[in-house]
Amino acid sequence: VSFYEPYRDHALGFWKANLDRLDKILSLKYKEMIEDIVLYIKKLTDVIGYPFSYEETEKRSVDKIANMCSFENLSNLEVDKSSKHREGTSRVMENKIHFLKGKSEIGRII
């Protein structure tokens, strides 16, 4: 990113330089992604060149990954609730300070 030119010019330059590789560029919008996370997981695997196999699709592997990566699952992991950051030093902090309290806080400037 260039700090001396408008972002639009930077993005347009990137797009023009990659016209022949647009299938390898994935643009994500958070609100769209949370509405259909399974679709975006599939898009991501396609872009990186490792799409789900027929067997993985039949076993509902994408749904399992979506569930494991869900806000509800990740925000309730015991390790994040009980562990401390920098334990054994004079600056011990509880891990919970690194996490937002809910979905409504996402996008908020901290």
C-alpha atoms as a PDB file:
ATOM      1  CA  VAL A   1       0.000   0.000   0.000  1.00  0.00           C
ATOM      2  CA  SER A   2       1.332   3.376  -0.917  1.00  0.00           C
ATOM      3  CA  PHE A   3       0.797   6.041   1.721  1.00  0.00           C
ATOM      4  CA  TYR A   4       1.203   8.852  -0.811  1.00  0.00           C
ATOM      5  CA  GLU A   5      -1.613   8.208  -3.256  1.00  0.00           C
ATOM      6  CA  PRO A   6      -5.356   7.677  -2.983  1.00  0.00           C
ATOM      7  CA  TYR A   7      -6.442   4.144  -2.120  1.00  0.00           C
ATOM      8  CA  ARG A   8      -8.640   3.996  -5.234  1.00  0.00           C
ATOM      9  CA  ASP A   9      -5.569   4.451  -7.466  1.00  0.00           C
ATOM     10  CA  HIS A  10      -3.744   1.744  -5.537  1.00  0.00           C
ATOM     11  CA  ALA A  11      -6.650  -0.715  -5.864  1.00  0.00           C
ATOM     12  CA  LEU A  12      -7.111   0.059  -9.571  1.00  0.00           C
ATOM     13  CA  GLY A  13      -3.398  -0.496 -10.195  1.00  0.00           C
ATOM     14  CA  PHE A  14      -3.564  -3.842  -8.415  1.00  0.00           C
ATOM     15  CA  TRP A  15      -6.641  -4.859 -10.422  1.00  0.00           C
ATOM     16  CA  LYS A  16      -5.044  -3.878 -13.770  1.00  0.00           C
ATOM     17  CA  ALA A  17      -1.814  -5.714 -12.924  1.00  0.00           C
ATOM     18  CA  ASN A  18      -3.750  -8.891 -12.160  1.00  0.00           C
ATOM     19  CA  LEU A  19      -6.335  -8.973 -14.962  1.00  0.00           C
ATOM     20  CA  ASP A  20      -5.012 -12.317 -16.153  1.00  0.00           C
ATOM     21  CA  ARG A  21      -5.247 -13.805 -12.633  1.00  0.00           C
ATOM     22  CA  LEU A  22      -8.633 -12.587 -11.380  1.00  0.00           C
ATOM     23  CA  ASP A  23      -9.622 -16.176 -10.579  1.00  0.00           C
ATOM     24  CA  LYS A  24      -6.881 -16.129  -7.916  1.00  0.00           C
ATOM     25  CA  ILE A  25      -8.161 -13.004  -6.164  1.00  0.00           C
ATOM     26  CA  LEU A  26     -10.904 -13.328  -3.578  1.00  0.00           C
ATOM     27  CA  SER A  27     -12.689 -10.235  -2.379  1.00  0.00           C
ATOM     28  CA  LEU A  28     -14.606 -10.716   0.849  1.00  0.00           C
ATOM     29  CA  LYS A  29     -17.212  -8.551   2.514  1.00  0.00           C
ATOM     30  CA  TYR A  30     -17.806  -9.446   6.144  1.00  0.00           C
ATOM     31  CA  LYS A  31     -21.591  -9.058   6.077  1.00  0.00           C
ATOM     32  CA  GLU A  32     -21.924 -11.219   2.951  1.00  0.00           C
ATOM     33  CA  MET A  33     -19.533 -13.801   4.345  1.00  0.00           C
ATOM     34  CA  ILE A  34     -21.435 -14.320   7.597  1.00  0.00           C
ATOM     35  CA  GLU A  35     -24.692 -14.723   5.667  1.00  0.00           C
ATOM     36  CA  ASP A  36     -23.303 -17.717   3.724  1.00  0.00           C
ATOM     37  CA  ILE A  37     -20.043 -18.854   5.302  1.00  0.00           C
ATOM     38  CA  VAL A  38     -20.144 -22.251   3.556  1.00  0.00           C
ATOM     39  CA  LEU A  39     -20.122 -20.559   0.141  1.00  0.00           C
ATOM     40  CA  TYR A  40     -17.107 -18.442   1.096  1.00  0.00           C
ATOM     41  CA  ILE A  41     -15.190 -21.402   2.526  1.00  0.00           C
ATOM     42  CA  LYS A  42     -15.698 -23.161  -0.824  1.00  0.00           C
ATOM     43  CA  LYS A  43     -14.600 -20.027  -2.720  1.00  0.00           C
ATOM     44  CA  LEU A  44     -11.479 -19.788  -0.563  1.00  0.00           C
ATOM     45  CA  THR A  45     -10.490 -23.397  -1.197  1.00  0.00           C
ATOM     46  CA  ASP A  46     -11.031 -22.897  -4.939  1.00  0.00           C
ATOM     47  CA  VAL A  47      -8.825 -19.782  -4.999  1.00  0.00           C
ATOM     48  CA  ILE A  48      -5.949 -21.455  -3.155  1.00  0.00           C
ATOM     49  CA  GLY A  49      -6.184 -24.472  -5.430  1.00  0.00           C
ATOM     50  CA  TYR A  50      -7.511 -27.072  -2.986  1.00  0.00           C
ATOM     51  CA  PRO A  51     -11.248 -27.399  -3.642  1.00  0.00           C
ATOM     52  CA  PHE A  52     -13.286 -29.878  -1.627  1.00  0.00           C
ATOM     53  CA  SER A  53     -13.462 -33.349  -3.116  1.00  0.00           C
ATOM     54  CA  TYR A  54     -16.733 -35.124  -3.791  1.00  0.00           C
ATOM     55  CA  GLU A  55     -16.141 -37.301  -0.720  1.00  0.00           C
ATOM     56  CA  GLU A  56     -15.496 -34.272   1.494  1.00  0.00           C
ATOM     57  CA  THR A  57     -18.655 -32.656   0.191  1.00  0.00           C
ATOM     58  CA  GLU A  58     -20.645 -35.821   0.882  1.00  0.00           C
ATOM     59  CA  LYS A  59     -19.265 -35.969   4.447  1.00  0.00           C
ATOM     60  CA  ARG A  60     -20.351 -32.346   4.933  1.00  0.00           C
ATOM     61  CA  SER A  61     -16.770 -31.321   5.750  1.00  0.00           C
ATOM     62  CA  VAL A  62     -17.500 -27.722   4.750  1.00  0.00           C
ATOM     63  CA  ASP A  63     -20.326 -27.518   7.295  1.00  0.00           C
ATOM     64  CA  LYS A  64     -18.049 -28.963   9.985  1.00  0.00           C
ATOM     65  CA  ILE A  65     -15.357 -26.364   9.228  1.00  0.00           C
ATOM     66  CA  ALA A  66     -17.949 -23.575   9.267  1.00  0.00           C
ATOM     67  CA  ASN A  67     -19.174 -24.778  12.656  1.00  0.00           C
ATOM     68  CA  MET A  68     -15.653 -25.011  14.118  1.00  0.00           C
ATOM     69  CA  CYS A  69     -14.873 -21.477  12.891  1.00  0.00           C
ATOM     70  CA  SER A  70     -18.173 -19.961  14.004  1.00  0.00           C
ATOM     71  CA  PHE A  71     -18.242 -16.959  16.303  1.00  0.00           C
ATOM     72  CA  GLU A  72     -20.230 -18.956  18.855  1.00  0.00           C
ATOM     73  CA  ASN A  73     -17.712 -21.809  18.923  1.00  0.00           C
ATOM     74  CA  LEU A  74     -14.546 -19.709  18.942  1.00  0.00           C
ATOM     75  CA  SER A  75     -15.863 -17.323  21.585  1.00  0.00           C
ATOM     76  CA  ASN A  76     -16.525 -20.199  23.990  1.00  0.00           C
ATOM     77  CA  LEU A  77     -13.190 -22.044  23.964  1.00  0.00           C
ATOM     78  CA  GLU A  78     -12.088 -22.853  27.504  1.00  0.00           C
ATOM     79  CA  VAL A  79      -8.432 -22.022  26.790  1.00  0.00           C
ATOM     80  CA  ASP A  80      -9.365 -18.430  25.984  1.00  0.00           C
ATOM     81  CA  LYS A  81     -11.420 -18.074  29.151  1.00  0.00           C
ATOM     82  CA  SER A  82      -8.907 -19.499  31.611  1.00  0.00           C
ATOM     83  CA  SER A  83      -5.442 -18.716  30.260  1.00  0.00           C
ATOM     84  CA  LYS A  84      -3.404 -15.612  30.809  1.00  0.00           C
ATOM     85  CA  HIS A  85      -1.095 -13.746  28.437  1.00  0.00           C
ATOM     86  CA  ARG A  86       2.517 -13.196  29.567  1.00  0.00           C
ATOM     87  CA  GLU A  87       2.105 -15.466  32.565  1.00  0.00           C
ATOM     88  CA  GLY A  88       5.214 -15.460  34.752  1.00  0.00           C
ATOM     89  CA  THR A  89       5.968 -11.791  34.071  1.00  0.00           C
ATOM     90  CA  SER A  90       4.971  -8.608  35.850  1.00  0.00           C
ATOM     91  CA  ARG A  91       2.536  -7.758  33.017  1.00  0.00           C
ATOM     92  CA  VAL A  92       0.075 -10.659  33.209  1.00  0.00           C
ATOM     93  CA  MET A  93      -3.167 -10.032  31.301  1.00  0.00           C
ATOM     94  CA  GLU A  94      -6.205 -12.234  31.007  1.00  0.00           C
ATOM     95  CA  ASN A  95      -6.812 -13.533  27.482  1.00  0.00           C
ATOM     96  CA  LYS A  96     -10.387 -12.226  27.488  1.00  0.00           C
ATOM     97  CA  ILE A  97      -9.137  -8.659  26.933  1.00  0.00           C
ATOM     98  CA  HIS A  98      -8.171  -9.685  23.380  1.00  0.00           C
ATOM     99  CA  PHE A  99     -11.718 -10.660  22.394  1.00  0.00           C
ATOM    100  CA  LEU A 100     -14.853  -8.744  21.519  1.00  0.00           C
ATOM    101  CA  LYS A 101     -17.906  -9.463  23.632  1.00  0.00           C
ATOM    102  CA  GLY A 102     -20.322 -10.024  20.769  1.00  0.00           C
ATOM    103  CA  LYS A 103     -21.030  -9.718  17.080  1.00  0.00           C
ATOM    104  CA  SER A 104     -22.320  -6.175  17.531  1.00  0.00           C
ATOM    105  CA  GLU A 105     -18.781  -5.070  18.408  1.00  0.00           C
ATOM    106  CA  ILE A 106     -17.281  -6.291  15.127  1.00  0.00           C
ATOM    107  CA  GLY A 107     -16.186  -3.353  13.010  1.00  0.00           C
ATOM    108  CA  ARG A 108     -16.080  -1.042  16.010  1.00  0.00           C
ATOM    109  CA  ILE A 109     -12.915   1.024  16.393  1.00  0.00           C
ATOM    110  CA  ILE A 110     -11.194   0.108  19.632  1.00  0.00           C
END
